[in-house]
């Protein structure tokens, strides 16, 4: 005899089935179609033919693709290091015995809830109009021209915006990690005469390594997939110096008639992100075991 489903089971399936259907329709299915298109010469419209692995082979000889990968890796490396260093410093400060720390935590989290495009447009106005005006008034040479107009330094402007927004979430995660460290451990280290710096490296940091792993993987992935900041600040310019992989896939795939080619680029990019994430987790898990 079949067991009758309880109300709890009915509620569970009533919630999970629509979620699975929506996830498949808007995530899994487009991904499968993208993989299929990566083997075609589809332009985004009209008919197409299957070309095998030609798109994948052409990726390795396309200088624009190579340049976008170099920019993205440089941006992601710098952003990941800066975000995690700044987030750890802020988390230690906000976790200490200071007044209004709950309010300060809320204030520092605000950048994370703002849209990337909104933040980008605000900073674009600051970089383009406010800072040059300040530079001209006070005769500060490097501020007199917008950093976003410099082929050499535009990426730094994008990096500032990306880091400013990303620090919020990483700080919250580090605060959660710091709150798991027992006070007894700190008291024992103080009795041993450990300085604050030594206490951090020998006590705090080893105990929050799992949270460091989480933040490293998440921040690296997010910086590799940078799009909103590029779209709102530079649109890949000047002279394609800030063209990230995600922006290139969007721009040439949607507007440049390279839908099939950029689908192949997206597949390779997905594999690269997964490989980097697995590498980070493997290295950090070994570090956790050693500690």
Protein backbone atom coordinates (compact mmCIF):
# COMPACT_ATOMS: atom_id res chain seq x y z
CA UNK A 1 0.00 0.00 0.00
CA UNK A 2 1.32 3.40 -0.93
CA UNK A 3 2.02 5.71 1.94
CA UNK A 4 -0.08 8.85 1.88
CA UNK A 5 1.92 12.06 1.57
CA UNK A 6 1.84 14.29 4.61
CA UNK A 7 1.03 17.99 4.40
CA UNK A 8 4.70 18.72 5.03
CA UNK A 9 5.73 16.58 2.04
CA UNK A 10 3.11 18.23 -0.15
CA UNK A 11 4.37 21.67 0.85
CA UNK A 12 7.95 20.62 0.16
CA UNK A 13 7.18 19.40 -3.36
CA UNK A 14 4.91 22.38 -4.05
CA UNK A 15 7.86 24.65 -3.33
CA UNK A 16 10.72 22.64 -4.86
CA UNK A 17 9.12 21.67 -8.20
CA UNK A 18 8.49 25.25 -9.45
CA UNK A 19 12.01 26.23 -8.34
CA UNK A 20 13.57 23.32 -10.24
CA UNK A 21 11.51 24.12 -13.35
CA UNK A 22 12.49 27.81 -13.25
CA UNK A 23 16.16 26.97 -12.63
CA UNK A 24 16.19 24.57 -15.57
CA UNK A 25 14.36 27.02 -17.84
CA UNK A 26 16.47 30.08 -17.09
CA UNK A 27 19.84 28.53 -16.20
CA UNK A 28 20.43 24.96 -17.31
CA UNK A 29 18.61 25.12 -20.65
CA UNK A 30 20.32 28.35 -21.84
CA UNK A 31 23.67 26.86 -20.83
CA UNK A 32 23.01 23.70 -22.86
CA UNK A 33 21.90 25.78 -25.86
CA UNK A 34 25.02 27.93 -25.50
CA UNK A 35 27.23 24.84 -25.66
CA UNK A 36 25.38 23.70 -28.79
CA UNK A 37 25.75 27.13 -30.44
CA UNK A 38 29.47 27.09 -29.66
CA UNK A 39 29.87 24.45 -32.39
CA UNK A 40 28.12 26.61 -35.00
CA UNK A 41 28.70 29.81 -36.95
CA UNK A 42 25.46 31.30 -35.60
CA UNK A 43 25.44 35.11 -35.76
CA UNK A 44 22.54 35.59 -33.37
CA UNK A 45 20.00 35.64 -36.15
CA UNK A 46 19.16 33.70 -39.30
CA UNK A 47 20.38 30.23 -40.15
CA UNK A 48 23.62 28.58 -39.12
CA UNK A 49 25.88 25.64 -39.87
CA UNK A 50 27.85 23.36 -37.59
CA UNK A 51 31.58 24.07 -37.75
CA UNK A 52 32.88 21.59 -35.19
CA UNK A 53 35.71 22.84 -32.99
CA UNK A 54 36.67 25.72 -35.29
CA UNK A 55 35.40 28.37 -32.85
CA UNK A 56 37.48 26.88 -30.04
CA UNK A 57 40.59 26.78 -32.22
CA UNK A 58 40.07 30.39 -33.32
CA UNK A 59 39.85 31.53 -29.69
CA UNK A 60 43.54 30.78 -29.17
CA UNK A 61 44.58 32.89 -32.14
CA UNK A 62 42.29 35.88 -31.54
CA UNK A 63 44.38 38.73 -30.10
CA UNK A 64 41.33 40.56 -28.75
CA UNK A 65 40.26 37.52 -26.76
CA UNK A 66 43.80 37.10 -25.42
CA UNK A 67 43.94 40.75 -24.40
CA UNK A 68 40.61 40.47 -22.57
CA UNK A 69 41.82 37.41 -20.68
CA UNK A 70 45.01 39.21 -19.61
CA UNK A 71 43.02 42.22 -18.38
CA UNK A 72 40.52 40.05 -16.54
CA UNK A 73 43.19 38.00 -14.77
CA UNK A 74 45.12 41.15 -13.79
CA UNK A 75 41.95 42.78 -12.51
CA UNK A 76 40.82 39.65 -10.62
CA UNK A 77 44.22 39.12 -8.97
CA UNK A 78 44.53 42.73 -7.79
CA UNK A 79 40.90 42.87 -6.71
CA UNK A 80 40.98 39.60 -4.77
CA UNK A 81 44.10 40.59 -2.82
CA UNK A 82 42.84 44.10 -2.02
CA UNK A 83 39.34 43.01 -1.06
CA UNK A 84 40.47 40.27 1.29
CA UNK A 85 43.14 42.40 2.98
CA UNK A 86 40.80 45.37 3.45
CA UNK A 87 37.90 43.14 4.51
CA UNK A 88 39.99 41.40 7.15
CA UNK A 89 41.23 44.72 8.55
CA UNK A 90 37.70 46.13 8.68
CA UNK A 91 36.30 42.92 10.17
CA UNK A 92 38.88 42.95 12.98
CA UNK A 93 38.04 46.59 13.69
CA UNK A 94 34.26 46.08 13.60
CA UNK A 95 34.53 42.96 15.78
CA UNK A 96 36.42 44.77 18.52
CA UNK A 97 34.86 46.53 21.50
CA UNK A 98 33.88 49.82 19.86
CA UNK A 99 30.74 51.93 20.18
CA UNK A 100 28.00 51.74 17.53
CA UNK A 101 29.62 48.71 15.88
CA UNK A 102 26.23 47.27 14.88
CA UNK A 103 25.32 50.50 13.12
CA UNK A 104 28.74 50.65 11.47
CA UNK A 105 28.35 47.09 10.19
CA UNK A 106 25.07 48.09 8.58
CA UNK A 107 26.64 51.17 6.99
CA UNK A 108 29.57 49.20 5.58
CA UNK A 109 27.13 46.68 4.07
CA UNK A 110 25.24 49.32 2.06
CA UNK A 111 27.52 49.11 -1.06
CA UNK A 112 26.65 45.43 -1.43
CA UNK A 113 22.90 46.06 -1.75
CA UNK A 114 23.31 48.76 -4.40
CA UNK A 115 23.23 47.72 -8.04
CA UNK A 116 26.55 47.48 -9.85
CA UNK A 117 25.31 49.70 -12.69
CA UNK A 118 24.05 52.36 -10.28
CA UNK A 119 27.36 52.44 -8.42
CA UNK A 120 29.25 52.54 -11.71
CA UNK A 121 27.31 55.54 -13.01
CA UNK A 122 27.81 57.39 -9.72
CA UNK A 123 31.57 56.79 -9.76
CA UNK A 124 31.71 57.64 -13.46
CA UNK A 125 30.33 61.09 -12.60
CA UNK A 126 32.87 61.41 -9.76
CA UNK A 127 35.83 60.39 -11.94
CA UNK A 128 34.73 62.47 -14.93
CA UNK A 129 33.56 65.71 -13.32
CA UNK A 130 34.17 66.01 -9.58
CA UNK A 131 37.79 64.84 -9.27
CA UNK A 132 39.04 66.80 -12.32
CA UNK A 133 37.38 69.93 -10.89
CA UNK A 134 39.12 69.37 -7.57
CA UNK A 135 42.40 68.78 -9.41
CA UNK A 136 42.08 72.02 -11.37
CA UNK A 137 41.13 74.09 -8.31
CA UNK A 138 43.98 72.80 -6.16
CA UNK A 139 46.42 72.29 -9.06
CA UNK A 140 46.77 68.55 -8.45
CA UNK A 141 48.18 67.25 -11.72
CA UNK A 142 47.09 63.59 -11.66
CA UNK A 143 43.48 64.55 -10.82
CA UNK A 144 43.02 67.10 -13.59
CA UNK A 145 42.06 64.47 -16.16
CA UNK A 146 39.59 61.63 -15.71
CA UNK A 147 41.35 58.37 -14.90
CA UNK A 148 38.75 56.60 -17.06
CA UNK A 149 40.12 58.38 -20.14
CA UNK A 150 43.61 56.96 -19.63
CA UNK A 151 44.41 53.80 -21.54
CA UNK A 152 47.08 52.97 -18.97
CA UNK A 153 45.20 53.70 -15.74
CA UNK A 154 41.50 53.29 -16.56
CA UNK A 155 41.55 49.78 -15.10
CA UNK A 156 42.50 51.25 -11.72
CA UNK A 157 39.32 53.32 -11.72
CA UNK A 158 37.29 50.19 -12.45
CA UNK A 159 39.21 48.35 -9.73
CA UNK A 160 38.45 51.04 -7.13
CA UNK A 161 34.73 50.71 -7.80
CA UNK A 162 34.81 46.91 -7.78
CA UNK A 163 36.77 46.73 -4.54
CA UNK A 164 34.60 49.36 -2.83
CA UNK A 165 31.48 47.32 -3.55
CA UNK A 166 32.95 43.87 -2.84
CA UNK A 167 34.49 44.71 0.54
CA UNK A 168 31.05 44.81 2.20
CA UNK A 169 30.09 41.14 1.79
CA UNK A 170 33.60 39.84 2.53
CA UNK A 171 33.72 41.91 5.71
CA UNK A 172 30.47 40.37 6.95
CA UNK A 173 31.80 36.86 6.28
CA UNK A 174 35.05 37.61 8.12
CA UNK A 175 33.11 39.06 11.07
CA UNK A 176 31.13 35.81 11.22
CA UNK A 177 34.40 33.90 11.27
CA UNK A 178 35.95 36.07 13.99
CA UNK A 179 32.93 35.53 16.22
CA UNK A 180 33.56 31.76 16.16
CA UNK A 181 36.98 32.17 17.79
CA UNK A 182 36.68 31.31 21.53
CA UNK A 183 37.67 34.02 24.00
CA UNK A 184 39.60 31.41 26.02
CA UNK A 185 42.13 31.15 23.20
CA UNK A 186 42.79 34.90 23.32
CA UNK A 187 43.13 34.83 27.09
CA UNK A 188 45.66 31.98 26.89
CA UNK A 189 47.72 33.83 24.28
CA UNK A 190 47.70 36.99 26.41
CA UNK A 191 49.00 35.00 29.37
CA UNK A 192 51.81 33.76 27.14
CA UNK A 193 52.72 37.36 26.38
CA UNK A 194 51.71 37.35 22.72
CA UNK A 195 51.45 40.77 21.05
CA UNK A 196 48.34 41.78 19.13
CA UNK A 197 50.10 41.15 15.79
CA UNK A 198 51.37 37.73 16.88
CA UNK A 199 47.97 36.94 18.35
CA UNK A 200 46.36 37.61 14.99
CA UNK A 201 48.79 35.45 12.96
CA UNK A 202 49.15 32.59 15.42
CA UNK A 203 45.63 32.44 16.87
CA UNK A 204 43.01 34.33 14.89
CA UNK A 205 44.09 33.69 11.31
CA UNK A 206 44.48 29.87 11.59
CA UNK A 207 41.02 29.61 13.16
CA UNK A 208 39.30 31.62 10.43
CA UNK A 209 41.01 29.89 7.48
CA UNK A 210 37.69 28.26 6.38
CA UNK A 211 36.22 31.74 6.02
CA UNK A 212 39.30 32.91 4.13
CA UNK A 213 38.74 30.03 1.71
CA UNK A 214 35.12 31.07 1.15
CA UNK A 215 36.05 34.70 0.55
CA UNK A 216 38.94 33.86 -1.78
CA UNK A 217 36.78 31.64 -3.98
CA UNK A 218 33.82 34.04 -4.05
CA UNK A 219 35.86 37.21 -4.62
CA UNK A 220 38.00 35.63 -7.35
CA UNK A 221 34.91 34.34 -9.14
CA UNK A 222 33.15 37.69 -8.90
CA UNK A 223 36.15 39.67 -10.11
CA UNK A 224 36.71 37.29 -13.01
CA UNK A 225 33.08 37.80 -14.05
CA UNK A 226 33.26 41.61 -13.84
CA UNK A 227 30.67 43.18 -16.12
CA UNK A 228 28.53 45.88 -14.46
CA UNK A 229 31.47 48.13 -13.63
CA UNK A 230 32.86 47.84 -17.17
CA UNK A 231 29.45 48.53 -18.69
CA UNK A 232 28.78 51.65 -16.65
CA UNK A 233 32.31 53.11 -16.42
CA UNK A 234 34.30 52.45 -19.59
CA UNK A 235 32.39 50.11 -21.94
CA UNK A 236 35.69 48.34 -22.49
CA UNK A 237 37.63 51.48 -23.43
CA UNK A 238 39.67 53.41 -23.96
CA UNK A 239 41.08 51.42 -26.89
CA UNK A 240 39.71 48.13 -25.42
CA UNK A 241 42.11 48.46 -22.46
CA UNK A 242 39.41 47.53 -19.91
CA UNK A 243 37.52 44.94 -21.94
CA UNK A 244 36.78 42.00 -19.67
CA UNK A 245 35.89 38.54 -20.92
CA UNK A 246 32.26 38.85 -19.81
CA UNK A 247 31.89 42.21 -21.54
CA UNK A 248 33.52 40.91 -24.72
CA UNK A 249 31.18 37.90 -24.77
CA UNK A 250 28.17 40.19 -24.35
CA UNK A 251 29.30 42.91 -26.78
CA UNK A 252 30.44 40.76 -29.69
CA UNK A 253 27.98 37.98 -29.06
CA UNK A 254 24.91 40.21 -29.01
CA UNK A 255 25.94 43.10 -31.26
CA UNK A 256 28.93 41.85 -33.22
CA UNK A 257 27.45 38.88 -35.04
CA UNK A 258 29.71 36.41 -33.19
CA UNK A 259 27.10 34.54 -31.16
CA UNK A 260 28.55 31.09 -31.90
CA UNK A 261 32.16 32.22 -31.45
CA UNK A 262 31.45 33.99 -28.17
CA UNK A 263 29.41 31.00 -26.97
CA UNK A 264 32.62 28.99 -27.33
CA UNK A 265 34.42 31.74 -25.43
CA UNK A 266 31.80 31.49 -22.67
CA UNK A 267 32.25 27.72 -22.42
CA UNK A 268 36.05 28.08 -22.07
CA UNK A 269 35.58 30.88 -19.56
CA UNK A 270 33.23 28.72 -17.48
CA UNK A 271 35.81 25.91 -17.43
CA UNK A 272 38.54 28.37 -16.42
CA UNK A 273 36.50 29.71 -13.50
CA UNK A 274 35.63 26.21 -12.27
CA UNK A 275 39.28 25.12 -12.54
CA UNK A 276 40.54 28.16 -10.61
CA UNK A 277 37.89 27.69 -7.91
CA UNK A 278 38.76 24.00 -7.49
CA UNK A 279 42.47 24.85 -7.34
CA UNK A 280 41.86 27.47 -4.64
CA UNK A 281 39.72 25.11 -2.58
CA UNK A 282 42.25 22.29 -2.86
CA UNK A 283 45.15 24.50 -1.77
CA UNK A 284 43.22 26.13 1.08
CA UNK A 285 41.83 22.80 2.33
CA UNK A 286 45.38 21.46 2.54
CA UNK A 287 46.32 24.60 4.44
CA UNK A 288 43.45 23.98 6.87
CA UNK A 289 44.64 20.41 7.47
CA UNK A 290 48.19 21.61 8.18
CA UNK A 291 46.89 24.08 10.74
